Amino acid sequence: MKKKKVVALIPIKLQSQRVKNKNLRPLGNHELCWYVPNTLLESNLIDEVYIFCSDEKVMKYVPKGCIFLKRDTSLDSNETKGFQIYESFIKQIVADVYILAHTTSPFLKLESLNDAIARVLSGEYDSSFSAKKIQTFAWYQGKPINYDIANVPRTQDMEPILVETSAFFIFNNYIFTEHGRRIGFQPYIKEVDDIEAIDIDEEQDLVYAQTIKNLEDKNNE
């Protein structure tokens, strides 16, 4: 049986709106954009790791071994949807399985990533994504969504809610090219812990991540 080609896509925009220069902000001994590419490079299940960015200077801040693919500057617009970025990449780079990963989840663990990739490669699942489990009282549009307000359960007895994180989405080629999706019809949901689920979207998220990283580095001394 022919080995499936697995390619990782890491879209990076150097100019960000909510957190200025987010990808180049320091986190421990490196810039934020260093960590996820490094984890992907450590995986023996990934054939190629691409940095998809409009500015080649990004390569100064990522680990050696990544491949630079220049993307059109039009994709840097704040109005650009993720689908447009993924579509542009997939039209240029052919693979059997794609891994879409984001630098904003710097605490992604290699074990989580490899487990999710292996599940897709096995054929049992057509896709996979990282998610955080929330097991508490949740509301949406003014109504509780996971419990009966007239019969409040113990939190440990509740049905948990799984919330997608930005760490990774893994999918077979046809899931995107034929159906325009990054999550297929039979996904494997990889649960990650609170630290691994950290997604840097606001300035306070970065401060939190820097605090966690400093504690990790201190404990490893």
N, C-alpha and C. Protein backbone atom coordinates (compact mmCIF):
# COMPACT_ATOMS: atom_id res chain seq x y z
N MET A 1 0.84 -1.19 0.00
CA MET A 1 0.00 0.00 0.00
C MET A 1 0.88 1.25 0.00
N LYS A 2 0.59 2.17 -0.89
CA LYS A 2 1.40 3.38 -1.03
C LYS A 2 1.29 4.25 0.22
N LYS A 3 2.44 4.74 0.68
CA LYS A 3 2.46 5.62 1.84
C LYS A 3 1.81 6.96 1.50
N LYS A 4 0.96 7.42 2.38
CA LYS A 4 0.30 8.70 2.16
C LYS A 4 1.24 9.85 2.48
N LYS A 5 1.20 10.86 1.63
CA LYS A 5 2.02 12.04 1.87
C LYS A 5 1.28 12.98 2.82
N VAL A 6 1.96 13.35 3.89
CA VAL A 6 1.37 14.22 4.91
C VAL A 6 2.12 15.55 4.92
N VAL A 7 1.38 16.62 4.72
CA VAL A 7 1.97 17.95 4.63
C VAL A 7 1.31 18.86 5.66
N ALA A 8 2.13 19.66 6.34
CA ALA A 8 1.62 20.62 7.31
C ALA A 8 1.63 22.02 6.73
N LEU A 9 0.55 22.73 6.93
CA LEU A 9 0.40 24.12 6.51
C LEU A 9 0.33 24.99 7.76
N ILE A 10 1.24 25.95 7.85
CA ILE A 10 1.20 26.92 8.95
C ILE A 10 1.06 28.31 8.33
N PRO A 11 -0.14 28.87 8.30
CA PRO A 11 -0.30 30.22 7.76
C PRO A 11 0.17 31.25 8.79
N ILE A 12 0.99 32.18 8.35
CA ILE A 12 1.50 33.21 9.25
C ILE A 12 1.35 34.58 8.60
N LYS A 13 0.80 35.50 9.37
CA LYS A 13 0.74 36.91 8.95
C LYS A 13 1.54 37.71 9.96
N LEU A 14 2.53 38.44 9.49
CA LEU A 14 3.41 39.16 10.42
C LEU A 14 2.75 40.38 11.03
N GLN A 15 1.82 40.99 10.30
CA GLN A 15 1.12 42.15 10.83
C GLN A 15 -0.25 41.71 11.33
N SER A 16 -0.46 41.77 12.63
CA SER A 16 -1.74 41.35 13.20
C SER A 16 -2.48 42.56 13.77
N GLN A 17 -3.78 42.42 13.90
CA GLN A 17 -4.61 43.56 14.28
C GLN A 17 -4.81 43.68 15.79
N ARG A 18 -5.25 42.61 16.42
CA ARG A 18 -5.59 42.69 17.85
C ARG A 18 -4.36 42.65 18.75
N VAL A 19 -3.38 41.83 18.40
CA VAL A 19 -2.13 41.78 19.17
C VAL A 19 -1.01 42.18 18.21
N LYS A 20 -0.48 43.38 18.38
CA LYS A 20 0.50 43.92 17.44
C LYS A 20 1.72 43.02 17.32
N ASN A 21 2.09 42.73 16.07
CA ASN A 21 3.26 41.88 15.78
C ASN A 21 3.23 40.57 16.57
N LYS A 22 2.05 40.00 16.69
CA LYS A 22 1.84 38.84 17.55
C LYS A 22 2.85 37.72 17.32
N ASN A 23 3.04 37.33 16.09
CA ASN A 23 3.89 36.18 15.79
C ASN A 23 5.36 36.40 16.14
N LEU A 24 5.75 37.66 16.26
CA LEU A 24 7.15 37.96 16.56
C LEU A 24 7.37 38.37 18.01
N ARG A 25 6.33 38.27 18.80
CA ARG A 25 6.45 38.62 20.22
C ARG A 25 7.19 37.51 20.97
N PRO A 26 7.98 37.87 21.96
CA PRO A 26 8.77 36.86 22.68
C PRO A 26 7.92 35.95 23.56
N LEU A 27 8.31 34.69 23.57
CA LEU A 27 7.70 33.69 24.46
C LEU A 27 8.84 32.77 24.88
N GLY A 28 9.28 32.90 26.11
CA GLY A 28 10.46 32.14 26.52
C GLY A 28 11.68 32.57 25.73
N ASN A 29 12.40 31.61 25.18
CA ASN A 29 13.64 31.90 24.45
C ASN A 29 13.44 32.13 22.96
N HIS A 30 12.21 32.10 22.51
CA HIS A 30 11.93 32.25 21.08
C HIS A 30 10.76 33.19 20.86
N GLU A 31 10.53 33.50 19.58
CA GLU A 31 9.32 34.24 19.22
C GLU A 31 8.14 33.25 19.18
N LEU A 32 6.94 33.79 19.30
CA LEU A 32 5.74 32.95 19.34
C LEU A 32 5.68 32.00 18.15
N CYS A 33 6.05 32.47 16.97
CA CYS A 33 5.88 31.66 15.75
C CYS A 33 6.86 30.49 15.66
N TRP A 34 7.75 30.34 16.62
CA TRP A 34 8.75 29.26 16.58
C TRP A 34 8.19 27.92 17.07
N TYR A 35 7.29 27.95 18.03
CA TYR A 35 6.95 26.75 18.79
C TYR A 35 6.16 25.70 18.00
N VAL A 36 5.10 26.07 17.35
CA VAL A 36 4.30 25.09 16.62
C VAL A 36 5.08 24.47 15.45
N PRO A 37 5.79 25.25 14.64
CA PRO A 37 6.61 24.63 13.60
C PRO A 37 7.61 23.63 14.17
N ASN A 38 8.19 23.95 15.32
CA ASN A 38 9.16 23.04 15.93
C ASN A 38 8.51 21.72 16.33
N THR A 39 7.31 21.78 16.87
CA THR A 39 6.59 20.56 17.24
C THR A 39 6.27 19.73 16.00
N LEU A 40 5.83 20.39 14.94
CA LEU A 40 5.50 19.67 13.71
C LEU A 40 6.73 19.00 13.11
N LEU A 41 7.87 19.68 13.17
CA LEU A 41 9.11 19.11 12.64
C LEU A 41 9.56 17.88 13.42
N GLU A 42 9.18 17.81 14.67
CA GLU A 42 9.56 16.67 15.51
C GLU A 42 8.75 15.42 15.19
N SER A 43 7.65 15.57 14.48
CA SER A 43 6.79 14.42 14.18
C SER A 43 7.36 13.61 13.02
N ASN A 44 7.49 12.30 13.21
CA ASN A 44 7.97 11.43 12.13
C ASN A 44 6.83 11.02 11.20
N LEU A 45 5.64 11.56 11.43
CA LEU A 45 4.50 11.25 10.58
C LEU A 45 4.25 12.33 9.52
N ILE A 46 5.00 13.42 9.61
CA ILE A 46 4.83 14.54 8.70
C ILE A 46 5.99 14.59 7.72
N ASP A 47 5.68 14.68 6.44
CA ASP A 47 6.73 14.71 5.40
C ASP A 47 7.29 16.09 5.18
N GLU A 48 6.44 17.11 5.17
CA GLU A 48 6.89 18.47 4.89
C GLU A 48 6.11 19.46 5.75
N VAL A 49 6.82 20.47 6.24
CA VAL A 49 6.21 21.53 7.04
C VAL A 49 6.39 22.85 6.31
N TYR A 50 5.29 23.47 5.91
CA TYR A 50 5.34 24.71 5.13
C TYR A 50 4.92 25.91 5.97
N ILE A 51 5.68 26.99 5.80
CA ILE A 51 5.30 28.29 6.34
C ILE A 51 4.70 29.07 5.17
N PHE A 52 3.43 29.41 5.27
CA PHE A 52 2.72 30.07 4.19
C PHE A 52 2.54 31.54 4.58
N CYS A 53 3.41 32.38 4.04
CA CYS A 53 3.49 33.78 4.48
C CYS A 53 3.87 34.65 3.28
N SER A 54 3.48 35.91 3.32
CA SER A 54 3.81 36.81 2.21
C SER A 54 5.18 37.44 2.35
N ASP A 55 5.82 37.26 3.50
CA ASP A 55 7.11 37.90 3.76
C ASP A 55 8.15 36.85 4.16
N GLU A 56 9.18 36.71 3.34
CA GLU A 56 10.18 35.66 3.58
C GLU A 56 11.01 35.89 4.84
N LYS A 57 10.97 37.09 5.38
CA LYS A 57 11.77 37.34 6.59
C LYS A 57 11.26 36.52 7.78
N VAL A 58 10.05 35.97 7.66
CA VAL A 58 9.52 35.12 8.72
C VAL A 58 10.43 33.93 9.00
N MET A 59 11.20 33.52 7.98
CA MET A 59 12.04 32.33 8.13
C MET A 59 13.17 32.54 9.14
N LYS A 60 13.45 33.79 9.49
CA LYS A 60 14.46 34.07 10.51
C LYS A 60 13.97 33.66 11.90
N TYR A 61 12.66 33.51 12.02
CA TYR A 61 12.08 33.30 13.34
C TYR A 61 11.51 31.89 13.55
N VAL A 62 11.60 31.04 12.55
CA VAL A 62 11.08 29.67 12.67
C VAL A 62 12.25 28.69 12.62
N PRO A 63 12.07 27.46 13.09
CA PRO A 63 13.16 26.49 13.10
C PRO A 63 13.62 26.09 11.70
N LYS A 64 14.87 25.73 11.59
CA LYS A 64 15.38 25.22 10.32
C LYS A 64 14.68 23.90 9.99
N GLY A 65 14.41 23.72 8.72
CA GLY A 65 13.69 22.52 8.29
C GLY A 65 12.33 22.83 7.72
N CYS A 66 11.81 24.02 8.05
CA CYS A 66 10.53 24.45 7.47
C CYS A 66 10.76 24.91 6.04
N ILE A 67 9.72 24.80 5.22
CA ILE A 67 9.78 25.23 3.82
C ILE A 67 8.95 26.49 3.67
N PHE A 68 9.53 27.51 3.06
CA PHE A 68 8.80 28.76 2.84
C PHE A 68 8.01 28.69 1.54
N LEU A 69 6.74 29.04 1.60
CA LEU A 69 5.92 29.18 0.41
C LEU A 69 5.28 30.56 0.47
N LYS A 70 5.63 31.40 -0.50
CA LYS A 70 5.14 32.78 -0.50
C LYS A 70 3.67 32.82 -0.89
N ARG A 71 2.90 33.49 -0.10
CA ARG A 71 1.49 33.66 -0.43
C ARG A 71 1.23 35.09 -0.90
N ASP A 72 0.19 35.27 -1.66
CA ASP A 72 -0.15 36.58 -2.20
C ASP A 72 -0.49 37.53 -1.06
N THR A 73 -0.04 38.78 -1.17
CA THR A 73 -0.31 39.76 -0.12
C THR A 73 -1.79 40.04 0.05
N SER A 74 -2.59 39.74 -0.96
CA SER A 74 -4.04 39.95 -0.84
C SER A 74 -4.64 39.07 0.27
N LEU A 75 -3.95 37.98 0.58
CA LEU A 75 -4.44 37.09 1.63
C LEU A 75 -4.12 37.60 3.03
N ASP A 76 -3.42 38.73 3.12
CA ASP A 76 -3.10 39.32 4.42
C ASP A 76 -4.19 40.26 4.91
N SER A 77 -5.19 40.48 4.10
CA SER A 77 -6.27 41.40 4.48
C SER A 77 -7.02 40.89 5.70
N ASN A 78 -7.50 41.81 6.52
CA ASN A 78 -8.29 41.42 7.69
C ASN A 78 -9.64 40.83 7.29
N GLU A 79 -10.02 41.05 6.05
CA GLU A 79 -11.29 40.50 5.55
C GLU A 79 -11.13 39.11 4.95
N THR A 80 -9.89 38.66 4.81
CA THR A 80 -9.63 37.35 4.21
C THR A 80 -10.13 36.24 5.13
N LYS A 81 -10.84 35.29 4.56
CA LYS A 81 -11.32 34.15 5.32
C LYS A 81 -10.29 33.03 5.26
N GLY A 82 -10.27 32.23 6.30
CA GLY A 82 -9.33 31.13 6.36
C GLY A 82 -9.43 30.22 5.15
N PHE A 83 -10.64 29.98 4.68
CA PHE A 83 -10.86 29.09 3.54
C PHE A 83 -10.04 29.54 2.33
N GLN A 84 -9.97 30.85 2.11
CA GLN A 84 -9.23 31.36 0.96
C GLN A 84 -7.74 31.05 1.07
N ILE A 85 -7.21 31.12 2.28
CA ILE A 85 -5.79 30.82 2.52
C ILE A 85 -5.53 29.34 2.28
N TYR A 86 -6.38 28.49 2.84
CA TYR A 86 -6.18 27.04 2.70
C TYR A 86 -6.31 26.62 1.23
N GLU A 87 -7.28 27.21 0.56
CA GLU A 87 -7.51 26.88 -0.84
C GLU A 87 -6.30 27.24 -1.69
N SER A 88 -5.72 28.42 -1.45
CA SER A 88 -4.55 28.85 -2.20
C SER A 88 -3.39 27.89 -1.98
N PHE A 89 -3.18 27.48 -0.75
CA PHE A 89 -2.09 26.55 -0.45
C PHE A 89 -2.31 25.19 -1.11
N ILE A 90 -3.49 24.65 -0.96
CA ILE A 90 -3.77 23.30 -1.46
C ILE A 90 -3.73 23.23 -2.99
N LYS A 91 -4.00 24.34 -3.66
CA LYS A 91 -3.88 24.38 -5.11
C LYS A 91 -2.42 24.27 -5.55
N GLN A 92 -1.50 24.68 -4.67
CA GLN A 92 -0.08 24.67 -5.01
C GLN A 92 0.67 23.44 -4.51
N ILE A 93 0.25 22.92 -3.38
CA ILE A 93 0.95 21.79 -2.75
C ILE A 93 0.00 20.60 -2.66
N VAL A 94 0.35 19.54 -3.35
CA VAL A 94 -0.49 18.34 -3.37
C VAL A 94 -0.05 17.37 -2.29
N ALA A 95 -1.00 16.87 -1.54
CA ALA A 95 -0.73 15.88 -0.50
C ALA A 95 -1.96 15.01 -0.31
N ASP A 96 -1.78 13.89 0.36
CA ASP A 96 -2.91 13.02 0.68
C ASP A 96 -3.62 13.50 1.93
N VAL A 97 -2.81 13.97 2.89
CA VAL A 97 -3.35 14.44 4.16
C VAL A 97 -2.72 15.79 4.48
N TYR A 98 -3.57 16.73 4.89
CA TYR A 98 -3.09 18.06 5.27
C TYR A 98 -3.27 18.28 6.76
N ILE A 99 -2.30 18.98 7.34
CA ILE A 99 -2.40 19.40 8.73
C ILE A 99 -2.38 20.93 8.73
N LEU A 100 -3.47 21.52 9.14
CA LEU A 100 -3.54 22.96 9.30
C LEU A 100 -3.24 23.27 10.75
N ALA A 101 -2.15 23.97 11.01
CA ALA A 101 -1.74 24.28 12.38
C ALA A 101 -1.53 25.78 12.53
N HIS A 102 -1.74 26.27 13.74
CA HIS A 102 -1.63 27.71 13.98
C HIS A 102 -0.62 28.02 15.07
N THR A 103 0.18 29.04 14.83
CA THR A 103 1.24 29.42 15.77
C THR A 103 0.68 29.94 17.09
N THR A 104 -0.60 30.28 17.10
CA THR A 104 -1.21 30.87 18.29
C THR A 104 -1.50 29.83 19.38
N SER A 105 -1.17 28.56 19.12
CA SER A 105 -1.32 27.50 20.13
C SER A 105 0.06 26.92 20.44
N PRO A 106 0.92 27.68 21.10
CA PRO A 106 2.33 27.29 21.25
C PRO A 106 2.58 26.09 22.16
N PHE A 107 1.58 25.68 22.94
CA PHE A 107 1.80 24.58 23.88
C PHE A 107 1.31 23.24 23.35
N LEU A 108 1.09 23.18 22.05
CA LEU A 108 0.70 21.92 21.41
C LEU A 108 1.73 20.83 21.72
N LYS A 109 1.24 19.66 22.13
CA LYS A 109 2.14 18.55 22.47
C LYS A 109 2.30 17.60 21.28
N LEU A 110 3.51 17.11 21.12
CA LEU A 110 3.80 16.17 20.04
C LEU A 110 2.93 14.92 20.15
N GLU A 111 2.70 14.43 21.36
CA GLU A 111 1.91 13.22 21.55
C GLU A 111 0.47 13.41 21.05
N SER A 112 -0.09 14.58 21.32
CA SER A 112 -1.45 14.87 20.85
C SER A 112 -1.50 14.90 19.34
N LEU A 113 -0.53 15.59 18.76
CA LEU A 113 -0.47 15.71 17.30
C LEU A 113 -0.32 14.36 16.64
N ASN A 114 0.63 13.55 17.10
CA ASN A 114 0.88 12.24 16.49
C ASN A 114 -0.32 11.30 16.63
N ASP A 115 -0.99 11.36 17.77
CA ASP A 115 -2.17 10.53 17.96
C ASP A 115 -3.24 10.89 16.94
N ALA A 116 -3.47 12.17 16.74
CA ALA A 116 -4.49 12.62 15.80
C ALA A 116 -4.13 12.25 14.36
N ILE A 117 -2.86 12.43 13.99
CA ILE A 117 -2.43 12.08 12.63
C ILE A 117 -2.61 10.59 12.39
N ALA A 118 -2.19 9.78 13.35
CA ALA A 118 -2.27 8.33 13.20
C ALA A 118 -3.71 7.86 13.02
N ARG A 119 -4.63 8.51 13.70
CA ARG A 119 -6.05 8.13 13.59
C ARG A 119 -6.57 8.35 12.17
N VAL A 120 -6.12 9.44 11.56
CA VAL A 120 -6.55 9.72 10.18
C VAL A 120 -5.85 8.78 9.20
N LEU A 121 -4.55 8.58 9.40
CA LEU A 121 -3.80 7.69 8.50
C LEU A 121 -4.30 6.25 8.56
N SER A 122 -4.87 5.86 9.68
CA SER A 122 -5.38 4.49 9.82
C SER A 122 -6.59 4.24 8.93
N GLY A 123 -7.26 5.32 8.50
CA GLY A 123 -8.46 5.18 7.69
C GLY A 123 -9.73 5.10 8.51
N GLU A 124 -9.58 5.02 9.82
CA GLU A 124 -10.75 4.93 10.70
C GLU A 124 -11.52 6.25 10.74
N TYR A 125 -10.78 7.36 10.61
CA TYR A 125 -11.37 8.69 10.62
C TYR A 125 -10.93 9.45 9.37
N ASP A 126 -11.79 10.35 8.90
CA ASP A 126 -11.43 11.13 7.71
C ASP A 126 -10.80 12.46 8.04
N SER A 127 -10.78 12.79 9.33
CA SER A 127 -10.24 14.08 9.76
C SER A 127 -10.07 14.04 11.28
N SER A 128 -9.45 15.09 11.80
CA SER A 128 -9.27 15.19 13.25
C SER A 128 -9.09 16.66 13.61
N PHE A 129 -9.45 17.00 14.82
CA PHE A 129 -9.19 18.36 15.29
C PHE A 129 -9.02 18.35 16.81
N SER A 130 -8.34 19.36 17.30
CA SER A 130 -8.11 19.48 18.74
C SER A 130 -9.28 20.20 19.39
N ALA A 131 -9.61 19.76 20.60
CA ALA A 131 -10.74 20.35 21.31
C ALA A 131 -10.51 20.31 22.81
N LYS A 132 -11.11 21.27 23.48
CA LYS A 132 -11.05 21.34 24.94
C LYS A 132 -12.40 20.96 25.52
N LYS A 133 -12.38 20.11 26.53
CA LYS A 133 -13.62 19.68 27.17
C LYS A 133 -14.03 20.68 28.24
N ILE A 134 -15.29 21.11 28.18
CA ILE A 134 -15.84 22.00 29.20
C ILE A 134 -17.03 21.28 29.83
N GLN A 135 -16.94 21.07 31.14
CA GLN A 135 -17.99 20.35 31.83
C GLN A 135 -18.57 21.23 32.93
N THR A 136 -19.32 22.22 32.51
CA THR A 136 -19.97 23.13 33.43
C THR A 136 -21.22 23.69 32.76
N PHE A 137 -21.94 24.55 33.43
CA PHE A 137 -23.22 25.05 32.94
C PHE A 137 -22.99 26.07 31.83
N ALA A 138 -23.53 25.79 30.65
CA ALA A 138 -23.29 26.64 29.48
C ALA A 138 -24.61 27.12 28.87
N TRP A 139 -24.57 28.34 28.39
CA TRP A 139 -25.76 28.96 27.78
C TRP A 139 -25.42 29.45 26.38
N TYR A 140 -26.44 29.50 25.54
CA TYR A 140 -26.29 30.05 24.19
C TYR A 140 -27.60 30.71 23.79
N GLN A 141 -27.50 31.97 23.35
CA GLN A 141 -28.66 32.75 22.94
C GLN A 141 -29.77 32.75 24.00
N GLY A 142 -29.33 32.96 25.24
CA GLY A 142 -30.28 33.12 26.32
C GLY A 142 -30.87 31.84 26.89
N LYS A 143 -30.34 30.68 26.46
CA LYS A 143 -30.88 29.41 26.94
C LYS A 143 -29.74 28.46 27.33
N PRO A 144 -29.98 27.63 28.38
CA PRO A 144 -28.97 26.62 28.73
C PRO A 144 -28.92 25.57 27.65
N ILE A 145 -27.71 25.13 27.30
CA ILE A 145 -27.58 24.18 26.20
C ILE A 145 -27.18 22.78 26.64
N ASN A 146 -26.80 22.63 27.90
CA ASN A 146 -26.34 21.29 28.30
C ASN A 146 -26.93 20.83 29.64
N TYR A 147 -28.00 21.48 30.07
CA TYR A 147 -28.67 21.01 31.29
C TYR A 147 -30.09 21.57 31.36
N ASP A 148 -30.91 20.93 32.18
CA ASP A 148 -32.30 21.34 32.40
C ASP A 148 -32.34 22.29 33.58
N ILE A 149 -32.76 23.51 33.33
CA ILE A 149 -32.74 24.53 34.38
C ILE A 149 -33.66 24.17 35.54
N ALA A 150 -34.63 23.28 35.28
CA ALA A 150 -35.56 22.87 36.32
C ALA A 150 -35.07 21.64 37.08
N ASN A 151 -33.97 21.07 36.61
CA ASN A 151 -33.42 19.87 37.24
C ASN A 151 -31.90 19.94 37.13
N VAL A 152 -31.29 20.82 37.90
CA VAL A 152 -29.86 21.10 37.78
C VAL A 152 -29.03 19.92 38.28
N PRO A 153 -28.19 19.34 37.43
CA PRO A 153 -27.38 18.19 37.82
C PRO A 153 -26.09 18.60 38.51
N ARG A 154 -25.36 17.64 39.03
CA ARG A 154 -24.00 17.89 39.49
C ARG A 154 -23.12 18.06 38.24
N THR A 155 -22.12 18.91 38.33
CA THR A 155 -21.30 19.14 37.15
C THR A 155 -20.63 17.86 36.66
N GLN A 156 -20.26 16.97 37.60
CA GLN A 156 -19.58 15.73 37.18
C GLN A 156 -20.52 14.76 36.45
N ASP A 157 -21.84 15.02 36.55
CA ASP A 157 -22.81 14.17 35.85
C ASP A 157 -23.25 14.76 34.52
N MET A 158 -22.77 15.95 34.21
CA MET A 158 -23.21 16.63 32.99
C MET A 158 -22.55 16.05 31.75
N GLU A 159 -23.23 16.20 30.63
CA GLU A 159 -22.65 15.87 29.34
C GLU A 159 -21.68 16.99 28.97
N PRO A 160 -20.40 16.70 28.78
CA PRO A 160 -19.44 17.77 28.48
C PRO A 160 -19.65 18.37 27.09
N ILE A 161 -19.21 19.60 26.95
CA ILE A 161 -19.20 20.29 25.67
C ILE A 161 -17.76 20.32 25.18
N LEU A 162 -17.55 20.05 23.91
CA LEU A 162 -16.22 20.09 23.33
C LEU A 162 -16.09 21.34 22.46
N VAL A 163 -15.08 22.13 22.75
CA VAL A 163 -14.86 23.39 22.05
C VAL A 163 -13.61 23.28 21.20
N GLU A 164 -13.72 23.55 19.92
CA GLU A 164 -12.55 23.48 19.04
C GLU A 164 -11.46 24.44 19.51
N THR A 165 -10.22 24.01 19.42
CA THR A 165 -9.10 24.92 19.65
C THR A 165 -8.41 25.16 18.31
N SER A 166 -7.48 26.08 18.29
CA SER A 166 -6.82 26.45 17.03
C SER A 166 -5.58 25.62 16.74
N ALA A 167 -5.23 24.70 17.63
CA ALA A 167 -3.95 23.99 17.49
C ALA A 167 -3.82 23.30 16.14
N PHE A 168 -4.78 22.42 15.79
CA PHE A 168 -4.66 21.75 14.50
C PHE A 168 -6.00 21.22 13.98
N PHE A 169 -6.04 21.13 12.66
CA PHE A 169 -7.11 20.45 11.94
C PHE A 169 -6.40 19.55 10.93
N ILE A 170 -6.74 18.29 10.92
CA ILE A 170 -6.10 17.31 10.04
C ILE A 170 -7.19 16.72 9.15
N PHE A 171 -6.94 16.68 7.84
CA PHE A 171 -8.00 16.20 6.95
C PHE A 171 -7.43 15.58 5.69
N ASN A 172 -8.14 14.60 5.17
CA ASN A 172 -7.78 14.00 3.89
C ASN A 172 -8.01 15.02 2.77
N ASN A 173 -7.25 14.89 1.72
CA ASN A 173 -7.33 15.81 0.58
C ASN A 173 -8.76 16.02 0.11
N TYR A 174 -9.51 14.94 -0.08
CA TYR A 174 -10.85 15.06 -0.66
C TYR A 174 -11.83 15.79 0.25
N ILE A 175 -11.57 15.80 1.53
CA ILE A 175 -12.46 16.51 2.45
C ILE A 175 -12.51 17.99 2.09
N PHE A 176 -11.35 18.53 1.70
CA PHE A 176 -11.31 19.95 1.31
C PHE A 176 -11.62 20.14 -0.16
N THR A 177 -10.96 19.37 -1.02
CA THR A 177 -11.10 19.61 -2.47
C THR A 177 -12.49 19.27 -2.99
N GLU A 178 -13.17 18.29 -2.39
CA GLU A 178 -14.50 17.90 -2.85
C GLU A 178 -15.63 18.49 -2.02
N HIS A 179 -15.35 18.78 -0.76
CA HIS A 179 -16.43 19.23 0.12
C HIS A 179 -16.19 20.61 0.74
N GLY A 180 -14.99 21.18 0.52
CA GLY A 180 -14.71 22.51 1.03
C GLY A 180 -14.72 22.61 2.55
N ARG A 181 -14.26 21.54 3.21
CA ARG A 181 -14.29 21.49 4.66
C ARG A 181 -12.92 21.14 5.23
N ARG A 182 -12.68 21.57 6.46
CA ARG A 182 -11.46 21.16 7.16
C ARG A 182 -11.79 20.11 8.22
N ILE A 183 -13.05 19.89 8.47
CA ILE A 183 -13.52 18.80 9.33
C ILE A 183 -14.44 17.94 8.50
N GLY A 184 -14.14 16.65 8.47
CA GLY A 184 -14.89 15.75 7.61
C GLY A 184 -16.19 15.24 8.21
N PHE A 185 -16.59 14.06 7.79
CA PHE A 185 -17.87 13.47 8.19
C PHE A 185 -17.70 12.47 9.33
N GLN A 186 -16.47 12.07 9.57
CA GLN A 186 -16.17 11.14 10.66
C GLN A 186 -14.88 11.59 11.33
N PRO A 187 -14.95 12.69 12.08
CA PRO A 187 -13.72 13.23 12.68
C PRO A 187 -13.35 12.56 14.00
N TYR A 188 -12.07 12.51 14.25
CA TYR A 188 -11.55 12.10 15.55
C TYR A 188 -11.29 13.38 16.34
N ILE A 189 -11.94 13.50 17.48
CA ILE A 189 -11.79 14.70 18.30
C ILE A 189 -10.72 14.42 19.35
N LYS A 190 -9.63 15.13 19.24
CA LYS A 190 -8.52 14.96 20.17
C LYS A 190 -8.65 15.96 21.30
N GLU A 191 -8.97 15.47 22.48
CA GLU A 191 -9.10 16.35 23.63
C GLU A 191 -7.72 16.78 24.12
N VAL A 192 -7.59 18.07 24.39
CA VAL A 192 -6.33 18.62 24.92
C VAL A 192 -6.62 19.29 26.26
N ASP A 193 -5.58 19.42 27.09
CA ASP A 193 -5.78 20.01 28.40
C ASP A 193 -5.81 21.54 28.32
N ASP A 194 -6.02 22.17 29.48
CA ASP A 194 -6.19 23.62 29.50
C ASP A 194 -4.98 24.37 28.96
N ILE A 195 -3.78 23.91 29.31
CA ILE A 195 -2.57 24.60 28.84
C ILE A 195 -2.39 24.41 27.34
N GLU A 196 -2.57 23.20 26.89
CA GLU A 196 -2.41 22.90 25.47
C GLU A 196 -3.45 23.65 24.63
N ALA A 197 -4.58 23.96 25.26
CA ALA A 197 -5.68 24.63 24.54
C ALA A 197 -5.52 26.14 24.46
N ILE A 198 -4.50 26.68 25.12
CA ILE A 198 -4.31 28.14 25.10
C ILE A 198 -4.19 28.63 23.66
N ASP A 199 -4.98 29.64 23.34
CA ASP A 199 -4.97 30.23 21.99
C ASP A 199 -4.77 31.73 22.15
N ILE A 200 -3.71 32.24 21.57
CA ILE A 200 -3.38 33.65 21.75
C ILE A 200 -4.12 34.50 20.71
N ASP A 201 -5.16 35.15 21.22
CA ASP A 201 -6.03 35.94 20.36
C ASP A 201 -6.07 37.41 20.80
N GLU A 202 -5.83 37.62 22.09
CA GLU A 202 -5.82 38.96 22.67
C GLU A 202 -4.53 39.16 23.45
N GLU A 203 -4.24 40.40 23.78
CA GLU A 203 -3.01 40.72 24.51
C GLU A 203 -2.94 39.95 25.84
N GLN A 204 -4.05 39.82 26.52
CA GLN A 204 -4.05 39.12 27.80
C GLN A 204 -3.72 37.63 27.64
N ASP A 205 -4.07 37.08 26.48
CA ASP A 205 -3.72 35.68 26.21
C ASP A 205 -2.21 35.51 26.13
N LEU A 206 -1.55 36.48 25.50
CA LEU A 206 -0.10 36.42 25.37
C LEU A 206 0.57 36.56 26.73
N VAL A 207 0.06 37.46 27.55
CA VAL A 207 0.61 37.63 28.90
C VAL A 207 0.47 36.33 29.68
N TYR A 208 -0.67 35.69 29.57
CA TYR A 208 -0.91 34.41 30.25
C TYR A 208 0.07 33.34 29.75
N ALA A 209 0.22 33.27 28.43
CA ALA A 209 1.14 32.28 27.84
C ALA A 209 2.57 32.53 28.30
N GLN A 210 2.97 33.79 28.36
CA GLN A 210 4.33 34.11 28.81
C GLN A 210 4.54 33.70 30.27
N THR A 211 3.51 33.86 31.08
CA THR A 211 3.58 33.45 32.48
C THR A 211 3.75 31.94 32.59
N ILE A 212 2.96 31.20 31.82
CA ILE A 212 3.04 29.74 31.82
C ILE A 212 4.41 29.28 31.35
N LYS A 213 4.90 29.89 30.27
CA LYS A 213 6.20 29.50 29.72
C LYS A 213 7.33 29.79 30.69
N ASN A 214 7.27 30.93 31.37
CA ASN A 214 8.31 31.27 32.35
C ASN A 214 8.33 30.27 33.51
N LEU A 215 7.16 29.83 33.93
CA LEU A 215 7.06 28.84 35.00
C LEU A 215 7.61 27.49 34.53
N GLU A 216 7.29 27.12 33.30
CA GLU A 216 7.80 25.86 32.73
C GLU A 216 9.33 25.89 32.68
N ASP A 217 9.88 26.99 32.18
CA ASP A 217 11.34 27.10 32.05
C ASP A 217 12.02 27.08 33.42
N LYS A 218 11.38 27.71 34.40
CA LYS A 218 11.95 27.75 35.76
C LYS A 218 11.96 26.35 36.36
N ASN A 219 10.89 25.60 36.13
CA ASN A 219 10.79 24.24 36.66
C ASN A 219 11.78 23.28 36.00
N ASN A 220 12.18 23.63 34.76
CA ASN A 220 13.11 22.77 34.01
C ASN A 220 14.58 23.11 34.26
N GLU A 221 14.82 24.14 35.04
CA GLU A 221 16.21 24.54 35.32
C GLU A 221 16.94 23.51 36.17
